[in-house]
Amino acid sequence: MTNKYVQQKDTAAWILQVWASFILATSGTVIGIIYLPVDIWIKSFMGMGLTFSVGSAFTLAKTIRDNHESERITARLDEAKVEKLLADHHPLGK
């Protein structure tokens, strides 16, 4: 019996691109907030909004990943049950 499920691994280039874009986007937004010509209270409010938005994005990504992995595990368990039933069934009556 061969394993049809291969663990997917991201390339180093993809990981670098993801981290670089995250750092660039976040630092660009922080620098933009710092140099806004507004009162410190408005800057603080925008910084708080950025912090919560980034945290929510990480939480959403983790939740989607966890749900996807849960569905894969359930499908693999169902497939294993079917394979066991087929292996135990002998059409000629053992």
C-alpha atoms as a PDB file:
ATOM      1  CA  MET A   1       0.000   0.000   0.000  1.00  0.00           C
ATOM      2  CA  THR A   2       1.510   3.320  -1.054  1.00  0.00           C
ATOM      3  CA  ASN A   3       0.981   6.603   0.713  1.00  0.00           C
ATOM      4  CA  LYS A   4      -0.847   8.990  -1.635  1.00  0.00           C
ATOM      5  CA  TYR A   5      -0.518  11.891   0.805  1.00  0.00           C
ATOM      6  CA  VAL A   6       2.766  13.727   0.470  1.00  0.00           C
ATOM      7  CA  GLN A   7       3.722  16.388   2.988  1.00  0.00           C
ATOM      8  CA  GLN A   8       3.814  19.693   1.108  1.00  0.00           C
ATOM      9  CA  LYS A   9       6.921  21.767   1.814  1.00  0.00           C
ATOM     10  CA  ASP A  10       7.331  25.402   0.808  1.00  0.00           C
ATOM     11  CA  THR A  11      10.535  26.465  -0.900  1.00  0.00           C
ATOM     12  CA  ALA A  12      13.031  28.761   0.800  1.00  0.00           C
ATOM     13  CA  ALA A  13      12.408  31.396  -1.883  1.00  0.00           C
ATOM     14  CA  TRP A  14       8.667  31.397  -1.154  1.00  0.00           C
ATOM     15  CA  ILE A  15       9.232  31.701   2.590  1.00  0.00           C
ATOM     16  CA  LEU A  16      11.662  34.594   2.002  1.00  0.00           C
ATOM     17  CA  GLN A  17       9.146  36.343  -0.260  1.00  0.00           C
ATOM     18  CA  VAL A  18       6.330  35.948   2.266  1.00  0.00           C
ATOM     19  CA  TRP A  19       8.397  37.309   5.154  1.00  0.00           C
ATOM     20  CA  ALA A  20       9.845  40.143   3.057  1.00  0.00           C
ATOM     21  CA  SER A  21       6.407  41.279   1.888  1.00  0.00           C
ATOM     22  CA  PHE A  22       5.020  41.086   5.432  1.00  0.00           C
ATOM     23  CA  ILE A  23       7.907  43.117   6.862  1.00  0.00           C
ATOM     24  CA  LEU A  24       7.768  45.650   4.014  1.00  0.00           C
ATOM     25  CA  ALA A  25       4.001  46.144   4.294  1.00  0.00           C
ATOM     26  CA  THR A  26       3.994  46.401   8.071  1.00  0.00           C
ATOM     27  CA  SER A  27       7.029  48.672   8.343  1.00  0.00           C
ATOM     28  CA  GLY A  28       5.742  50.882   5.512  1.00  0.00           C
ATOM     29  CA  THR A  29       2.438  51.313   7.314  1.00  0.00           C
ATOM     30  CA  VAL A  30       4.173  52.019  10.643  1.00  0.00           C
ATOM     31  CA  ILE A  31       6.441  54.632   9.018  1.00  0.00           C
ATOM     32  CA  GLY A  32       3.396  56.196   7.336  1.00  0.00           C
ATOM     33  CA  ILE A  33       1.588  56.411  10.675  1.00  0.00           C
ATOM     34  CA  ILE A  34       4.656  57.923  12.399  1.00  0.00           C
ATOM     35  CA  TYR A  35       5.039  60.676   9.788  1.00  0.00           C
ATOM     36  CA  LEU A  36       1.351  61.584   9.575  1.00  0.00           C
ATOM     37  CA  PRO A  37       0.840  65.261  10.389  1.00  0.00           C
ATOM     38  CA  VAL A  38      -1.788  64.542  13.055  1.00  0.00           C
ATOM     39  CA  ASP A  39      -2.051  64.480  16.840  1.00  0.00           C
ATOM     40  CA  ILE A  40      -0.429  61.610  18.812  1.00  0.00           C
ATOM     41  CA  TRP A  41      -3.861  60.271  19.804  1.00  0.00           C
ATOM     42  CA  ILE A  42      -4.804  59.714  16.169  1.00  0.00           C
ATOM     43  CA  LYS A  43      -1.453  58.036  15.488  1.00  0.00           C
ATOM     44  CA  SER A  44      -1.959  55.806  18.528  1.00  0.00           C
ATOM     45  CA  PHE A  45      -5.435  54.846  17.359  1.00  0.00           C
ATOM     46  CA  MET A  46      -4.137  53.959  13.886  1.00  0.00           C
ATOM     47  CA  GLY A  47      -1.251  51.981  15.395  1.00  0.00           C
ATOM     48  CA  MET A  48      -3.692  50.059  17.563  1.00  0.00           C
ATOM     49  CA  GLY A  49      -5.829  49.338  14.498  1.00  0.00           C
ATOM     50  CA  LEU A  50      -2.762  48.063  12.622  1.00  0.00           C
ATOM     51  CA  THR A  51      -1.797  45.823  15.547  1.00  0.00           C
ATOM     52  CA  PHE A  52      -5.268  44.275  15.779  1.00  0.00           C
ATOM     53  CA  SER A  53      -5.485  43.844  12.003  1.00  0.00           C
ATOM     54  CA  VAL A  54      -2.165  41.977  11.848  1.00  0.00           C
ATOM     55  CA  GLY A  55      -3.133  39.807  14.824  1.00  0.00           C
ATOM     56  CA  SER A  56      -6.514  39.004  13.263  1.00  0.00           C
ATOM     57  CA  ALA A  57      -4.853  38.089   9.956  1.00  0.00           C
ATOM     58  CA  PHE A  58      -2.561  35.588  11.724  1.00  0.00           C
ATOM     59  CA  THR A  59      -5.503  34.117  13.642  1.00  0.00           C
ATOM     60  CA  LEU A  60      -7.586  33.780  10.473  1.00  0.00           C
ATOM     61  CA  ALA A  61      -4.726  32.099   8.585  1.00  0.00           C
ATOM     62  CA  LYS A  62      -4.163  29.627  11.438  1.00  0.00           C
ATOM     63  CA  THR A  63      -7.875  28.818  11.678  1.00  0.00           C
ATOM     64  CA  ILE A  64      -8.165  28.174   7.937  1.00  0.00           C
ATOM     65  CA  ARG A  65      -5.048  25.968   8.028  1.00  0.00           C
ATOM     66  CA  ASP A  66      -6.319  23.995  11.038  1.00  0.00           C
ATOM     67  CA  ASN A  67      -9.719  23.407   9.407  1.00  0.00           C
ATOM     68  CA  HIS A  68      -8.070  22.259   6.167  1.00  0.00           C
ATOM     69  CA  GLU A  69      -5.785  19.832   8.021  1.00  0.00           C
ATOM     70  CA  SER A  70      -8.749  18.504  10.006  1.00  0.00           C
ATOM     71  CA  GLU A  71     -10.640  17.754   6.783  1.00  0.00           C
ATOM     72  CA  ARG A  72      -7.597  15.953   5.348  1.00  0.00           C
ATOM     73  CA  ILE A  73      -7.265  13.789   8.467  1.00  0.00           C
ATOM     74  CA  THR A  74     -10.978  12.925   8.387  1.00  0.00           C
ATOM     75  CA  ALA A  75     -10.743  11.959   4.711  1.00  0.00           C
ATOM     76  CA  ARG A  76      -7.708   9.775   5.411  1.00  0.00           C
ATOM     77  CA  LEU A  77      -9.507   8.026   8.290  1.00  0.00           C
ATOM     78  CA  ASP A  78     -12.542   7.368   6.096  1.00  0.00           C
ATOM     79  CA  GLU A  79     -10.300   5.998   3.360  1.00  0.00           C
ATOM     80  CA  ALA A  80      -8.518   3.718   5.840  1.00  0.00           C
ATOM     81  CA  LYS A  81     -11.879   2.350   7.048  1.00  0.00           C
ATOM     82  CA  VAL A  82     -12.960   1.590   3.489  1.00  0.00           C
ATOM     83  CA  GLU A  83      -9.634  -0.112   2.722  1.00  0.00           C
ATOM     84  CA  LYS A  84      -9.976  -2.250   5.858  1.00  0.00           C
ATOM     85  CA  LEU A  85     -13.515  -3.263   4.891  1.00  0.00           C
ATOM     86  CA  LEU A  86     -12.344  -4.194   1.409  1.00  0.00           C
ATOM     87  CA  ALA A  87      -9.368  -6.123   2.764  1.00  0.00           C
ATOM     88  CA  ASP A  88     -11.579  -8.050   5.211  1.00  0.00           C
ATOM     89  CA  HIS A  89     -14.130  -8.909   2.530  1.00  0.00           C
ATOM     90  CA  HIS A  90     -13.271 -12.100   0.681  1.00  0.00           C
ATOM     91  CA  PRO A  91     -15.557 -12.594  -2.311  1.00  0.00           C
ATOM     92  CA  LEU A  92     -14.970 -16.383  -2.355  1.00  0.00           C
ATOM     93  CA  GLY A  93     -15.763 -16.826   1.310  1.00  0.00           C
ATOM     94  CA  LYS A  94     -12.286 -17.457   2.816  1.00  0.00           C
END
